[in-house]
Amino acid sequence: MIKLVAIDLDGTLLNDQHEVTPGVIEAVGEARERGMKIVLCTGRPLAGIKTSLDALDLFHADDVAITMNGAITLETNSEQIVSSTALGKADLARIFDFCSPLGAHVTYFDAVKMYIPHREISILTARDSLLLETPLYYQTVDEAEDTIEIPKVMLLDEPEKITEVIDALTDELKARYTIVRSVPYNLEFLHPDVSKGHALRALAQKLGITAEEVMCLGDAENDVSMFEFAGLPIAMENATEKIKNLAKKITKSNNEDGVAYALRNFA
């Protein structure tokens, strides 16, 4: 019996217009009425999922969300942080010093803001700030507070540039950080103990729910760790081949209410 359903946002819950459709809203409501706990599990910060949480009525006292690809788990109603694992200023400097000579556009986050450490702002960065409904600030690495807690450092650039950076990654960086690419135009650096799967495992244990009682839905590389933990991993029809190969079931695409189909047919 499925007791917990973890749902990725972009490419999964949301269609290509970044909307939660009425069909998905209805199916999520049905699942909650049957006693399933619905948890959004995303690379976005809290500000970037509030519209979706509101649409799905997930602002109750016992509702939680996994954000920043697992770096922050929080209560949606009170915004109280349940768990947080962050990078520090030294990590930011190390990643920036590696990416800057390659011409890649770096952004970084604290719990509520998004920063760029260089004066040039790419169109992709500006668009992402609007999409995430997260304020964007110019702040150099040196200007960052020594005590800053950074859930993730993210590159936003053309897919070819992201691929170039991936090809140039050193063994040291790969060992120091969790590095994931959720869409062709981004690359994220996280604490080595951070992943969606790690956060989902911790939440399930806290709730007394076993892996076999967890269903997850996703479409991209940053969902791999969720798929490796959950007893019932469901891939979207629009998912990457890697995700599909890890899935036990494949549902319809994000533009065909695939989440609703999965909840009604597999949960």
C-alpha atoms as a PDB file:
ATOM      1  CA  MET A   1       0.000   0.000   0.000  1.00  0.00           C
ATOM      2  CA  ILE A   2       1.373   3.400  -1.009  1.00  0.00           C
ATOM      3  CA  LYS A   3       1.431   5.906   1.872  1.00  0.00           C
ATOM      4  CA  LEU A   4       3.788   8.589   0.533  1.00  0.00           C
ATOM      5  CA  VAL A   5       3.965  10.030  -2.983  1.00  0.00           C
ATOM      6  CA  ALA A   6       6.943  12.236  -3.912  1.00  0.00           C
ATOM      7  CA  ILE A   7       6.379  14.316  -7.021  1.00  0.00           C
ATOM      8  CA  ASP A   8       8.951  16.261  -9.016  1.00  0.00           C
ATOM      9  CA  LEU A   9       7.742  19.582 -10.476  1.00  0.00           C
ATOM     10  CA  ASP A  10       9.239  20.648 -13.797  1.00  0.00           C
ATOM     11  CA  GLY A  11       8.542  18.098 -16.497  1.00  0.00           C
ATOM     12  CA  THR A  12       6.443  16.036 -14.091  1.00  0.00           C
ATOM     13  CA  LEU A  13       3.752  17.804 -12.067  1.00  0.00           C
ATOM     14  CA  LEU A  14       3.793  20.892 -14.301  1.00  0.00           C
ATOM     15  CA  ASN A  15       3.011  20.872 -18.002  1.00  0.00           C
ATOM     16  CA  ASP A  16       5.200  22.738 -20.472  1.00  0.00           C
ATOM     17  CA  GLN A  17       3.325  25.966 -19.656  1.00  0.00           C
ATOM     18  CA  HIS A  18       4.419  25.527 -16.010  1.00  0.00           C
ATOM     19  CA  GLU A  19       0.823  24.854 -14.942  1.00  0.00           C
ATOM     20  CA  VAL A  20      -0.805  22.328 -12.622  1.00  0.00           C
ATOM     21  CA  THR A  21      -3.789  21.182 -14.663  1.00  0.00           C
ATOM     22  CA  PRO A  22      -7.303  20.640 -13.247  1.00  0.00           C
ATOM     23  CA  GLY A  23      -6.989  16.899 -13.911  1.00  0.00           C
ATOM     24  CA  VAL A  24      -3.850  16.624 -11.805  1.00  0.00           C
ATOM     25  CA  ILE A  25      -5.357  18.757  -9.032  1.00  0.00           C
ATOM     26  CA  GLU A  26      -8.384  16.438  -8.899  1.00  0.00           C
ATOM     27  CA  ALA A  27      -6.272  13.264  -8.815  1.00  0.00           C
ATOM     28  CA  VAL A  28      -3.990  14.588  -6.069  1.00  0.00           C
ATOM     29  CA  GLY A  29      -7.083  15.459  -4.036  1.00  0.00           C
ATOM     30  CA  GLU A  30      -8.399  11.920  -4.471  1.00  0.00           C
ATOM     31  CA  ALA A  31      -5.066  10.468  -3.357  1.00  0.00           C
ATOM     32  CA  ARG A  32      -5.031  12.633  -0.237  1.00  0.00           C
ATOM     33  CA  GLU A  33      -8.590  11.551   0.579  1.00  0.00           C
ATOM     34  CA  ARG A  34      -7.362   7.938   0.427  1.00  0.00           C
ATOM     35  CA  GLY A  35      -4.747   8.795   3.055  1.00  0.00           C
ATOM     36  CA  MET A  36      -1.669   9.259   0.881  1.00  0.00           C
ATOM     37  CA  LYS A  37       0.816  11.937   1.887  1.00  0.00           C
ATOM     38  CA  ILE A  38       1.768  14.102  -1.101  1.00  0.00           C
ATOM     39  CA  VAL A  39       5.218  15.697  -1.031  1.00  0.00           C
ATOM     40  CA  LEU A  40       6.576  17.964  -3.747  1.00  0.00           C
ATOM     41  CA  CYS A  41      10.241  17.129  -4.286  1.00  0.00           C
ATOM     42  CA  THR A  42      12.000  19.719  -6.421  1.00  0.00           C
ATOM     43  CA  GLY A  43      15.140  21.598  -7.245  1.00  0.00           C
ATOM     44  CA  ARG A  44      13.254  24.845  -6.767  1.00  0.00           C
ATOM     45  CA  PRO A  45      13.261  26.987  -3.609  1.00  0.00           C
ATOM     46  CA  LEU A  46      10.050  27.349  -1.615  1.00  0.00           C
ATOM     47  CA  ALA A  47       9.102  30.607  -3.359  1.00  0.00           C
ATOM     48  CA  GLY A  48       9.118  28.793  -6.694  1.00  0.00           C
ATOM     49  CA  ILE A  49       6.577  26.163  -5.634  1.00  0.00           C
ATOM     50  CA  LYS A  50       4.057  28.190  -3.631  1.00  0.00           C
ATOM     51  CA  THR A  51       1.687  28.492  -6.588  1.00  0.00           C
ATOM     52  CA  SER A  52       1.712  24.703  -7.019  1.00  0.00           C
ATOM     53  CA  LEU A  53       1.316  24.077  -3.282  1.00  0.00           C
ATOM     54  CA  ASP A  54      -1.675  26.398  -3.245  1.00  0.00           C
ATOM     55  CA  ALA A  55      -3.269  24.719  -6.268  1.00  0.00           C
ATOM     56  CA  LEU A  56      -2.908  21.309  -4.609  1.00  0.00           C
ATOM     57  CA  ASP A  57      -4.027  22.521  -1.150  1.00  0.00           C
ATOM     58  CA  LEU A  58      -0.731  21.494   0.439  1.00  0.00           C
ATOM     59  CA  PHE A  59      -0.436  24.246   3.023  1.00  0.00           C
ATOM     60  CA  HIS A  60      -1.816  22.274   5.978  1.00  0.00           C
ATOM     61  CA  ALA A  61       0.047  21.966   9.281  1.00  0.00           C
ATOM     62  CA  ASP A  62       1.369  18.474   8.478  1.00  0.00           C
ATOM     63  CA  ASP A  63       2.399  19.202   4.868  1.00  0.00           C
ATOM     64  CA  VAL A  64       6.080  19.285   3.985  1.00  0.00           C
ATOM     65  CA  ALA A  65       8.100  19.874   0.820  1.00  0.00           C
ATOM     66  CA  ILE A  66      11.591  18.843  -0.233  1.00  0.00           C
ATOM     67  CA  THR A  67      13.264  21.787  -1.966  1.00  0.00           C
ATOM     68  CA  MET A  68      16.632  22.708  -3.485  1.00  0.00           C
ATOM     69  CA  ASN A  69      17.104  19.105  -4.696  1.00  0.00           C
ATOM     70  CA  GLY A  70      17.001  17.823  -1.137  1.00  0.00           C
ATOM     71  CA  ALA A  71      19.098  20.503   0.580  1.00  0.00           C
ATOM     72  CA  ILE A  72      16.100  21.887   2.495  1.00  0.00           C
ATOM     73  CA  THR A  73      13.029  20.034   3.784  1.00  0.00           C
ATOM     74  CA  LEU A  74      10.454  22.316   5.370  1.00  0.00           C
ATOM     75  CA  GLU A  75       6.900  22.615   6.610  1.00  0.00           C
ATOM     76  CA  THR A  76       4.931  24.438   3.941  1.00  0.00           C
ATOM     77  CA  ASN A  77       2.502  26.148   6.310  1.00  0.00           C
ATOM     78  CA  SER A  78       4.944  27.567   8.860  1.00  0.00           C
ATOM     79  CA  GLU A  79       7.998  27.544   6.549  1.00  0.00           C
ATOM     80  CA  GLN A  80       9.880  26.020   9.455  1.00  0.00           C
ATOM     81  CA  ILE A  81      12.939  24.097   8.267  1.00  0.00           C
ATOM     82  CA  VAL A  82      12.858  20.401   9.145  1.00  0.00           C
ATOM     83  CA  SER A  83      16.360  19.695   7.848  1.00  0.00           C
ATOM     84  CA  SER A  84      19.008  21.645   5.962  1.00  0.00           C
ATOM     85  CA  THR A  85      22.406  20.707   4.552  1.00  0.00           C
ATOM     86  CA  ALA A  86      24.275  23.545   2.881  1.00  0.00           C
ATOM     87  CA  LEU A  87      27.533  24.541   1.252  1.00  0.00           C
ATOM     88  CA  GLY A  88      29.702  27.355   2.625  1.00  0.00           C
ATOM     89  CA  LYS A  89      31.551  30.361   1.233  1.00  0.00           C
ATOM     90  CA  ALA A  90      34.700  28.335   0.565  1.00  0.00           C
ATOM     91  CA  ASP A  91      32.660  25.955  -1.615  1.00  0.00           C
ATOM     92  CA  LEU A  92      31.213  28.892  -3.546  1.00  0.00           C
ATOM     93  CA  ALA A  93      34.692  30.286  -4.167  1.00  0.00           C
ATOM     94  CA  ARG A  94      36.007  26.891  -5.318  1.00  0.00           C
ATOM     95  CA  ILE A  95      33.136  26.332  -7.765  1.00  0.00           C
ATOM     96  CA  PHE A  96      33.241  29.912  -9.057  1.00  0.00           C
ATOM     97  CA  ASP A  97      37.005  29.763  -9.632  1.00  0.00           C
ATOM     98  CA  PHE A  98      36.526  26.597 -11.678  1.00  0.00           C
ATOM     99  CA  CYS A  99      33.543  27.803 -13.740  1.00  0.00           C
ATOM    100  CA  SER A 100      34.526  31.416 -14.356  1.00  0.00           C
ATOM    101  CA  PRO A 101      37.446  30.734 -16.763  1.00  0.00           C
ATOM    102  CA  LEU A 102      35.086  28.536 -18.786  1.00  0.00           C
ATOM    103  CA  GLY A 103      32.695  31.466 -19.241  1.00  0.00           C
ATOM    104  CA  ALA A 104      29.812  29.719 -17.478  1.00  0.00           C
ATOM    105  CA  HIS A 105      27.171  31.838 -15.727  1.00  0.00           C
ATOM    106  CA  VAL A 106      27.109  31.066 -11.985  1.00  0.00           C
ATOM    107  CA  THR A 107      24.216  31.672  -9.596  1.00  0.00           C
ATOM    108  CA  TYR A 108      23.890  30.723  -5.943  1.00  0.00           C
ATOM    109  CA  PHE A 109      21.167  30.710  -3.311  1.00  0.00           C
ATOM    110  CA  ASP A 110      20.583  31.215   0.361  1.00  0.00           C
ATOM    111  CA  ALA A 111      17.262  30.144   1.896  1.00  0.00           C
ATOM    112  CA  VAL A 112      15.253  32.927   0.211  1.00  0.00           C
ATOM    113  CA  LYS A 113      17.388  34.789  -2.348  1.00  0.00           C
ATOM    114  CA  MET A 114      19.210  34.112  -5.589  1.00  0.00           C
ATOM    115  CA  TYR A 115      22.578  35.756  -6.337  1.00  0.00           C
ATOM    116  CA  ILE A 116      24.926  36.285  -9.256  1.00  0.00           C
ATOM    117  CA  PRO A 117      28.619  36.853  -8.489  1.00  0.00           C
ATOM    118  CA  HIS A 118      29.435  38.681 -11.751  1.00  0.00           C
ATOM    119  CA  ARG A 119      27.977  41.824 -13.316  1.00  0.00           C
ATOM    120  CA  GLU A 120      26.791  40.212 -16.530  1.00  0.00           C
ATOM    121  CA  ILE A 121      23.321  38.703 -16.100  1.00  0.00           C
ATOM    122  CA  SER A 122      22.374  36.108 -18.686  1.00  0.00           C
ATOM    123  CA  ILE A 123      18.842  36.007 -20.070  1.00  0.00           C
ATOM    124  CA  LEU A 124      18.513  32.447 -18.748  1.00  0.00           C
ATOM    125  CA  THR A 125      19.334  33.644 -15.226  1.00  0.00           C
ATOM    126  CA  ALA A 126      16.780  36.448 -15.415  1.00  0.00           C
ATOM    127  CA  ARG A 127      14.131  34.062 -16.732  1.00  0.00           C
ATOM    128  CA  ASP A 128      14.864  31.539 -14.003  1.00  0.00           C
ATOM    129  CA  SER A 129      14.506  34.191 -11.314  1.00  0.00           C
ATOM    130  CA  LEU A 130      11.062  35.062 -12.694  1.00  0.00           C
ATOM    131  CA  LEU A 131      10.063  31.403 -13.010  1.00  0.00           C
ATOM    132  CA  LEU A 132      11.142  30.671  -9.439  1.00  0.00           C
ATOM    133  CA  GLU A 133       9.570  33.896  -8.160  1.00  0.00           C
ATOM    134  CA  THR A 134      12.827  34.412  -6.275  1.00  0.00           C
ATOM    135  CA  PRO A 135      14.514  37.842  -6.004  1.00  0.00           C
ATOM    136  CA  LEU A 136      17.835  38.131  -7.832  1.00  0.00           C
ATOM    137  CA  TYR A 137      20.781  40.102  -6.419  1.00  0.00           C
ATOM    138  CA  TYR A 138      24.295  40.955  -7.589  1.00  0.00           C
ATOM    139  CA  GLN A 139      26.761  39.888  -4.908  1.00  0.00           C
ATOM    140  CA  THR A 140      30.361  38.898  -5.537  1.00  0.00           C
ATOM    141  CA  VAL A 141      31.916  35.899  -3.850  1.00  0.00           C
ATOM    142  CA  ASP A 142      33.982  38.216  -1.618  1.00  0.00           C
ATOM    143  CA  GLU A 143      30.852  40.141  -0.584  1.00  0.00           C
ATOM    144  CA  ALA A 144      29.024  37.016   0.578  1.00  0.00           C
ATOM    145  CA  GLU A 145      28.829  36.677   4.352  1.00  0.00           C
ATOM    146  CA  ASP A 146      31.455  34.354   5.789  1.00  0.00           C
ATOM    147  CA  THR A 147      28.663  32.441   7.537  1.00  0.00           C
ATOM    148  CA  ILE A 148      26.391  32.163   4.477  1.00  0.00           C
ATOM    149  CA  GLU A 149      24.607  28.828   4.067  1.00  0.00           C
ATOM    150  CA  ILE A 150      24.199  27.948   0.391  1.00  0.00           C
ATOM    151  CA  PRO A 151      21.738  25.153  -0.490  1.00  0.00           C
ATOM    152  CA  LYS A 152      23.109  25.008  -4.017  1.00  0.00           C
ATOM    153  CA  VAL A 153      25.327  26.676  -6.590  1.00  0.00           C
ATOM    154  CA  MET A 154      23.842  26.522 -10.082  1.00  0.00           C
ATOM    155  CA  LEU A 155      25.046  27.190 -13.603  1.00  0.00           C
ATOM    156  CA  LEU A 156      22.486  28.565 -16.031  1.00  0.00           C
ATOM    157  CA  ASP A 157      23.740  28.601 -19.591  1.00  0.00           C
ATOM    158  CA  GLU A 158      23.298  27.287 -23.099  1.00  0.00           C
ATOM    159  CA  PRO A 159      23.232  23.466 -23.202  1.00  0.00           C
ATOM    160  CA  GLU A 160      26.511  23.370 -25.124  1.00  0.00           C
ATOM    161  CA  LYS A 161      28.232  25.401 -22.398  1.00  0.00           C
ATOM    162  CA  ILE A 162      26.831  23.136 -19.668  1.00  0.00           C
ATOM    163  CA  THR A 163      28.139  20.088 -21.538  1.00  0.00           C
ATOM    164  CA  GLU A 164      31.533  21.783 -21.844  1.00  0.00           C
ATOM    165  CA  VAL A 165      31.648  22.339 -18.074  1.00  0.00           C
ATOM    166  CA  ILE A 166      30.612  18.726 -17.381  1.00  0.00           C
ATOM    167  CA  ASP A 167      33.379  17.455 -19.643  1.00  0.00           C
ATOM    168  CA  ALA A 168      35.889  19.652 -17.776  1.00  0.00           C
ATOM    169  CA  LEU A 169      34.854  18.586 -14.238  1.00  0.00           C
ATOM    170  CA  THR A 170      37.801  17.429 -12.166  1.00  0.00           C
ATOM    171  CA  ASP A 171      37.850  14.307 -10.027  1.00  0.00           C
ATOM    172  CA  GLU A 172      38.231  16.548  -6.977  1.00  0.00           C
ATOM    173  CA  LEU A 173      34.992  18.416  -7.717  1.00  0.00           C
ATOM    174  CA  LYS A 174      33.140  15.186  -8.433  1.00  0.00           C
ATOM    175  CA  ALA A 175      34.297  13.816  -5.081  1.00  0.00           C
ATOM    176  CA  ARG A 176      33.477  16.987  -3.130  1.00  0.00           C
ATOM    177  CA  TYR A 177      29.952  17.635  -4.417  1.00  0.00           C
ATOM    178  CA  THR A 178      26.732  16.106  -5.643  1.00  0.00           C
ATOM    179  CA  ILE A 179      26.535  17.416  -9.210  1.00  0.00           C
ATOM    180  CA  VAL A 180      23.272  17.044 -11.152  1.00  0.00           C
ATOM    181  CA  ARG A 181      21.759  18.313 -14.393  1.00  0.00           C
ATOM    182  CA  SER A 182      17.963  18.509 -14.255  1.00  0.00           C
ATOM    183  CA  VAL A 183      17.412  20.312 -17.583  1.00  0.00           C
ATOM    184  CA  PRO A 184      19.757  20.877 -20.552  1.00  0.00           C
ATOM    185  CA  TYR A 185      20.536  24.472 -19.537  1.00  0.00           C
ATOM    186  CA  ASN A 186      21.540  23.974 -15.894  1.00  0.00           C
ATOM    187  CA  LEU A 187      24.055  22.212 -13.687  1.00  0.00           C
ATOM    188  CA  GLU A 188      23.808  22.160  -9.883  1.00  0.00           C
ATOM    189  CA  PHE A 189      26.468  21.715  -7.216  1.00  0.00           C
ATOM    190  CA  LEU A 190      25.235  20.493  -3.816  1.00  0.00           C
ATOM    191  CA  HIS A 191      26.667  19.190  -0.565  1.00  0.00           C
ATOM    192  CA  PRO A 192      27.822  15.574  -1.068  1.00  0.00           C
ATOM    193  CA  ASP A 193      25.209  14.361   1.435  1.00  0.00           C
ATOM    194  CA  VAL A 194      22.382  16.093  -0.446  1.00  0.00           C
ATOM    195  CA  SER A 195      20.000  14.523  -2.948  1.00  0.00           C
ATOM    196  CA  LYS A 196      16.269  14.171  -3.373  1.00  0.00           C
ATOM    197  CA  GLY A 197      16.572  10.509  -2.478  1.00  0.00           C
ATOM    198  CA  HIS A 198      18.478  11.173   0.735  1.00  0.00           C
ATOM    199  CA  ALA A 199      15.874  13.749   1.848  1.00  0.00           C
ATOM    200  CA  LEU A 200      13.006  11.453   0.884  1.00  0.00           C
ATOM    201  CA  ARG A 201      14.534   8.564   2.823  1.00  0.00           C
ATOM    202  CA  ALA A 202      14.953  10.753   5.933  1.00  0.00           C
ATOM    203  CA  LEU A 203      11.366  12.001   5.690  1.00  0.00           C
ATOM    204  CA  ALA A 204       9.966   8.491   5.249  1.00  0.00           C
ATOM    205  CA  GLN A 205      11.911   7.253   8.267  1.00  0.00           C
ATOM    206  CA  LYS A 206      10.629  10.163  10.352  1.00  0.00           C
ATOM    207  CA  LEU A 207       7.051   9.274   9.359  1.00  0.00           C
ATOM    208  CA  GLY A 208       7.532   5.543   9.941  1.00  0.00           C
ATOM    209  CA  ILE A 209       7.017   4.749   6.251  1.00  0.00           C
ATOM    210  CA  THR A 210       9.037   2.063   4.482  1.00  0.00           C
ATOM    211  CA  ALA A 211      10.570   2.398   1.025  1.00  0.00           C
ATOM    212  CA  GLU A 212       8.023  -0.114  -0.298  1.00  0.00           C
ATOM    213  CA  GLU A 213       5.265   2.286   0.747  1.00  0.00           C
ATOM    214  CA  VAL A 214       6.775   5.183  -1.243  1.00  0.00           C
ATOM    215  CA  MET A 215       5.912   6.066  -4.820  1.00  0.00           C
ATOM    216  CA  CYS A 216       7.845   8.746  -6.692  1.00  0.00           C
ATOM    217  CA  LEU A 217       7.361  10.422 -10.059  1.00  0.00           C
ATOM    218  CA  GLY A 218      10.051  12.169 -12.072  1.00  0.00           C
ATOM    219  CA  ASP A 219      11.632  12.804 -15.425  1.00  0.00           C
ATOM    220  CA  ALA A 220      15.264  13.901 -15.113  1.00  0.00           C
ATOM    221  CA  GLU A 221      18.727  13.186 -13.716  1.00  0.00           C
ATOM    222  CA  ASN A 222      18.108  14.911 -10.386  1.00  0.00           C
ATOM    223  CA  ASP A 223      15.332  12.360  -9.753  1.00  0.00           C
ATOM    224  CA  VAL A 224      17.663   9.331  -9.965  1.00  0.00           C
ATOM    225  CA  SER A 225      18.269   9.141  -6.205  1.00  0.00           C
ATOM    226  CA  MET A 226      14.489   9.198  -5.559  1.00  0.00           C
ATOM    227  CA  PHE A 227      14.045   6.338  -8.019  1.00  0.00           C
ATOM    228  CA  GLU A 228      16.778   4.329  -6.311  1.00  0.00           C
ATOM    229  CA  PHE A 229      15.043   4.690  -2.924  1.00  0.00           C
ATOM    230  CA  ALA A 230      11.309   4.467  -3.622  1.00  0.00           C
ATOM    231  CA  GLY A 231       9.648   1.093  -3.849  1.00  0.00           C
ATOM    232  CA  LEU A 232       7.504   2.271  -6.757  1.00  0.00           C
ATOM    233  CA  PRO A 233       9.378   4.673  -9.060  1.00  0.00           C
ATOM    234  CA  ILE A 234       7.245   6.009 -11.925  1.00  0.00           C
ATOM    235  CA  ALA A 235       8.789   7.686 -14.978  1.00  0.00           C
ATOM    236  CA  MET A 236       6.989  10.229 -17.099  1.00  0.00           C
ATOM    237  CA  GLU A 237       6.633   9.419 -20.801  1.00  0.00           C
ATOM    238  CA  ASN A 238       8.791  12.517 -21.448  1.00  0.00           C
ATOM    239  CA  ALA A 239      11.518  11.321 -19.052  1.00  0.00           C
ATOM    240  CA  THR A 240      15.100  10.598 -20.020  1.00  0.00           C
ATOM    241  CA  GLU A 241      16.025   7.049 -20.933  1.00  0.00           C
ATOM    242  CA  LYS A 242      18.070   6.728 -17.739  1.00  0.00           C
ATOM    243  CA  ILE A 243      14.995   7.506 -15.633  1.00  0.00           C
ATOM    244  CA  LYS A 244      12.804   5.178 -17.668  1.00  0.00           C
ATOM    245  CA  ASN A 245      15.289   2.352 -17.176  1.00  0.00           C
ATOM    246  CA  LEU A 246      15.104   2.839 -13.395  1.00  0.00           C
ATOM    247  CA  ALA A 247      11.299   2.972 -13.322  1.00  0.00           C
ATOM    248  CA  LYS A 248       8.921   0.136 -12.528  1.00  0.00           C
ATOM    249  CA  LYS A 249       6.127   1.842 -14.451  1.00  0.00           C
ATOM    250  CA  ILE A 250       5.891   4.563 -17.102  1.00  0.00           C
ATOM    251  CA  THR A 251       2.974   6.977 -17.052  1.00  0.00           C
ATOM    252  CA  LYS A 252       1.756   9.521 -19.587  1.00  0.00           C
ATOM    253  CA  SER A 253       3.679  12.723 -20.264  1.00  0.00           C
ATOM    254  CA  ASN A 254       3.521  15.911 -18.202  1.00  0.00           C
ATOM    255  CA  ASN A 255       1.340  17.421 -20.943  1.00  0.00           C
ATOM    256  CA  GLU A 256      -1.147  14.533 -20.693  1.00  0.00           C
ATOM    257  CA  ASP A 257      -1.821  14.624 -16.924  1.00  0.00           C
ATOM    258  CA  GLY A 258       0.712  11.860 -16.360  1.00  0.00           C
ATOM    259  CA  VAL A 259       0.722  12.399 -12.591  1.00  0.00           C
ATOM    260  CA  ALA A 260      -3.038  11.901 -12.481  1.00  0.00           C
ATOM    261  CA  TYR A 261      -2.790   8.737 -14.576  1.00  0.00           C
ATOM    262  CA  ALA A 262      -0.097   7.302 -12.303  1.00  0.00           C
ATOM    263  CA  LEU A 263      -1.987   8.052  -9.088  1.00  0.00           C
ATOM    264  CA  ARG A 264      -5.159   6.424 -10.382  1.00  0.00           C
ATOM    265  CA  ASN A 265      -3.568   3.397 -12.023  1.00  0.00           C
ATOM    266  CA  PHE A 266      -0.425   2.560 -10.020  1.00  0.00           C
ATOM    267  CA  ALA A 267      -0.936   3.867  -6.458  1.00  0.00           C
END
